[in-house]
Structure formats: C-alpha cells, structure tokens
N, C-alpha and C. Protein backbone atom coordinates (compact mmCIF):
# COMPACT_ATOMS: atom_id res chain seq x y z
N MET A 1 -23.14 15.61 6.55
CA MET A 1 -22.37 14.31 6.25
C MET A 1 -21.10 14.23 6.78
N LYS A 2 -20.78 13.36 7.56
CA LYS A 2 -19.44 13.16 7.97
C LYS A 2 -18.74 12.28 7.01
N ASN A 3 -17.41 12.55 6.76
CA ASN A 3 -16.95 11.82 5.61
C ASN A 3 -16.04 10.66 6.33
N LYS A 4 -16.02 9.48 5.76
CA LYS A 4 -15.53 8.29 6.65
C LYS A 4 -13.93 8.26 5.92
N PRO A 5 -12.95 7.72 6.53
CA PRO A 5 -11.40 7.57 5.84
C PRO A 5 -11.77 6.63 4.83
N LEU A 6 -11.06 6.78 3.90
CA LEU A 6 -10.86 5.53 2.65
C LEU A 6 -10.71 4.30 3.08
N ILE A 7 -9.94 4.16 4.41
CA ILE A 7 -9.68 2.58 4.89
C ILE A 7 -10.99 2.08 5.41
N ASP A 8 -11.92 2.95 5.75
CA ASP A 8 -13.08 2.43 6.00
C ASP A 8 -14.29 2.08 4.93
N THR A 9 -14.21 2.79 4.14
CA THR A 9 -15.27 2.78 2.94
C THR A 9 -14.72 1.84 1.74
N ASN A 10 -13.33 1.85 1.45
CA ASN A 10 -12.89 0.58 0.17
C ASN A 10 -12.69 -0.71 0.66
N PRO A 11 -13.53 -1.64 0.31
CA PRO A 11 -13.57 -3.07 0.65
C PRO A 11 -11.95 -3.66 0.23
N HIS A 12 -11.19 -3.30 -0.62
CA HIS A 12 -10.10 -3.76 -1.02
C HIS A 12 -8.85 -3.06 0.14
N LEU A 13 -9.16 -2.26 0.96
CA LEU A 13 -8.36 -2.02 2.05
C LEU A 13 -8.61 -2.56 3.34
N LYS A 14 -9.63 -3.26 3.51
CA LYS A 14 -9.86 -3.84 4.92
C LYS A 14 -9.41 -5.36 4.90
N ILE A 15 -8.80 -5.86 4.07
CA ILE A 15 -7.87 -7.01 4.33
C ILE A 15 -6.54 -6.67 4.14
N PRO A 16 -5.87 -6.70 5.26
CA PRO A 16 -4.50 -6.49 5.05
C PRO A 16 -3.49 -7.07 4.42
N ALA A 17 -3.32 -8.54 4.05
CA ALA A 17 -2.65 -8.86 3.11
C ALA A 17 -3.15 -8.49 1.89
N LYS A 18 -4.24 -8.45 1.42
CA LYS A 18 -4.57 -7.76 0.03
C LYS A 18 -3.98 -6.44 -0.13
N TYR A 19 -4.15 -5.62 0.85
CA TYR A 19 -3.83 -4.29 0.85
C TYR A 19 -2.26 -4.15 0.84
N ARG A 20 -1.33 -5.08 1.51
CA ARG A 20 0.00 -4.88 1.27
C ARG A 20 0.54 -5.47 0.05
N LYS A 21 -0.32 -6.62 -0.70
CA LYS A 21 0.04 -6.99 -1.97
C LYS A 21 -0.37 -6.03 -2.77
N SER A 22 -1.20 -5.31 -2.99
CA SER A 22 -1.64 -4.34 -3.91
C SER A 22 -0.69 -3.32 -3.73
N LEU A 23 -0.34 -2.84 -2.69
CA LEU A 23 0.52 -1.61 -2.25
C LEU A 23 1.95 -1.92 -3.23
N ILE A 24 2.27 -2.86 -2.59
CA ILE A 24 3.72 -3.39 -3.30
C ILE A 24 3.83 -3.41 -4.69
N ALA A 25 2.48 -4.01 -5.45
CA ALA A 25 2.58 -4.01 -6.70
C ALA A 25 2.45 -2.55 -7.46
N ASN A 26 1.62 -1.66 -6.65
CA ASN A 26 1.54 -0.41 -7.22
C ASN A 26 3.00 0.31 -6.94
N VAL A 27 3.67 0.44 -6.14
CA VAL A 27 4.77 0.95 -5.55
C VAL A 27 6.11 0.27 -6.67
N ALA A 28 5.83 -0.91 -6.67
CA ALA A 28 7.03 -1.63 -7.62
C ALA A 28 6.81 -1.18 -9.24
N SER A 29 5.54 -0.91 -9.63
CA SER A 29 5.49 -0.56 -11.02
C SER A 29 5.95 0.81 -11.25
N SER A 30 5.38 1.59 -10.55
CA SER A 30 5.61 3.22 -10.29
C SER A 30 7.28 3.43 -10.36
N THR A 31 7.83 2.49 -9.29
CA THR A 31 9.25 2.87 -9.26
C THR A 31 9.85 2.22 -10.52
N ALA A 32 9.73 1.05 -10.92
CA ALA A 32 10.33 0.37 -12.33
C ALA A 32 9.92 1.45 -13.44
N ILE A 33 9.07 2.34 -13.81
CA ILE A 33 8.86 3.20 -14.63
C ILE A 33 10.02 4.15 -14.44
N GLU A 34 10.17 4.51 -13.24
CA GLU A 34 11.08 5.68 -12.99
C GLU A 34 12.50 5.44 -12.93
N THR A 35 12.63 4.24 -12.55
CA THR A 35 14.31 3.60 -12.55
C THR A 35 14.57 2.92 -13.58
N GLY A 36 13.83 2.35 -14.45
CA GLY A 36 14.06 1.22 -15.52
C GLY A 36 14.58 -0.13 -14.92
N ALA A 37 14.31 -0.51 -13.65
CA ALA A 37 14.63 -1.64 -12.87
C ALA A 37 13.25 -2.32 -13.19
N SER A 38 13.28 -3.87 -13.30
CA SER A 38 12.30 -4.65 -13.28
C SER A 38 11.19 -4.66 -12.26
N ILE A 39 10.09 -4.70 -12.42
CA ILE A 39 9.01 -4.79 -11.27
C ILE A 39 9.35 -6.18 -10.47
N GLU A 40 9.85 -7.10 -10.85
CA GLU A 40 9.85 -8.16 -10.04
C GLU A 40 10.83 -7.88 -9.05
N SER A 41 12.14 -7.20 -9.58
CA SER A 41 13.14 -7.44 -8.68
C SER A 41 12.80 -6.10 -7.66
N ILE A 42 11.89 -5.07 -7.91
CA ILE A 42 11.49 -4.12 -6.98
C ILE A 42 10.84 -4.85 -5.87
N ALA A 43 9.84 -5.50 -6.28
CA ALA A 43 8.58 -6.28 -5.42
C ALA A 43 9.81 -7.14 -4.53
N ARG A 44 10.55 -7.67 -4.94
CA ARG A 44 11.05 -8.85 -4.35
C ARG A 44 12.01 -7.88 -3.06
N ILE A 45 12.53 -6.76 -3.30
CA ILE A 45 13.14 -6.12 -2.46
C ILE A 45 12.21 -5.68 -1.42
N LEU A 46 11.17 -5.31 -1.82
CA LEU A 46 10.05 -4.44 -1.04
C LEU A 46 9.42 -5.70 -0.06
N THR A 47 9.31 -6.81 -0.40
CA THR A 47 8.82 -8.04 0.43
C THR A 47 9.78 -8.58 1.44
N GLU A 48 11.36 -8.28 0.96
CA GLU A 48 12.15 -8.99 1.90
C GLU A 48 12.59 -7.91 2.88
N THR A 49 12.36 -6.71 3.15
CA THR A 49 12.51 -5.84 3.87
C THR A 49 11.84 -6.26 5.32
N SER A 50 11.84 -5.72 6.29
CA SER A 50 11.05 -5.86 7.56
C SER A 50 9.63 -5.31 6.97
N LYS A 51 8.61 -6.09 7.74
CA LYS A 51 7.37 -5.38 7.55
C LYS A 51 6.86 -4.44 8.46
N PRO A 52 6.36 -3.50 7.77
CA PRO A 52 5.79 -2.50 8.50
C PRO A 52 4.70 -2.71 9.47
N SER A 53 4.31 -1.70 10.34
CA SER A 53 3.06 -2.12 11.27
C SER A 53 1.97 -2.01 10.50
N PRO A 54 0.87 -2.37 10.86
CA PRO A 54 -0.38 -2.49 10.00
C PRO A 54 -1.04 -0.82 10.06
N VAL A 55 -1.83 -0.51 9.09
CA VAL A 55 -2.26 0.69 8.83
C VAL A 55 -3.35 0.91 10.02
N LYS A 56 -3.09 2.17 10.54
CA LYS A 56 -3.98 2.48 11.57
C LYS A 56 -4.97 3.43 11.37
N LYS A 57 -6.18 3.17 11.72
CA LYS A 57 -7.41 4.20 11.42
C LYS A 57 -7.23 5.25 12.09
N THR A 58 -7.52 6.44 11.56
CA THR A 58 -7.31 7.57 12.09
C THR A 58 -8.90 8.22 12.32
N ASN A 59 -9.22 9.03 13.28
CA ASN A 59 -10.37 9.43 13.48
C ASN A 59 -10.58 10.93 12.69
N GLY A 60 -9.90 11.65 12.23
CA GLY A 60 -10.03 12.74 11.29
C GLY A 60 -9.01 12.73 10.12
N SER A 61 -9.11 14.05 9.79
CA SER A 61 -8.41 14.10 8.28
C SER A 61 -6.69 14.29 8.91
N ALA A 62 -5.97 13.91 8.01
CA ALA A 62 -4.37 13.62 7.91
C ALA A 62 -4.01 15.13 8.25
N ARG A 63 -4.74 16.14 7.68
CA ARG A 63 -4.25 17.63 7.34
C ARG A 63 -4.41 18.55 9.00
C-alpha cells in the first residue's frame, strides 16, 4: 500500500485559506504559551507579514 502525503488525505488542508488560518491559530497559541504574549498580538504579527507561497505537494517522503 502506497502512503499518500497528509495534504492529500486531510480535508482540512485542501482549502488553502482555511489551512493558513488554522496554521496561524496553532502557531500563535503555541508561541503565546512559550513567550507570554497574547495570542491576538502574535496572530496579528503573523498575518501582517508577507504571505508565503502556497503549500507544495511532494511526491515522496520529506526524509
């Protein structure tokens, strides 16, 4: 059985806007725990920076 990348099998990752919003929420909450800053301020910083290129699908393992 050939393994598919997570981006192909997880429906939450298929819509780029939802993926980015979820990623920012996840990173902001984790960073807030580590730094003591508010989640809102970290999320605002992450959304104000230049937007990265879309997630690219790979054909194999990242290893």
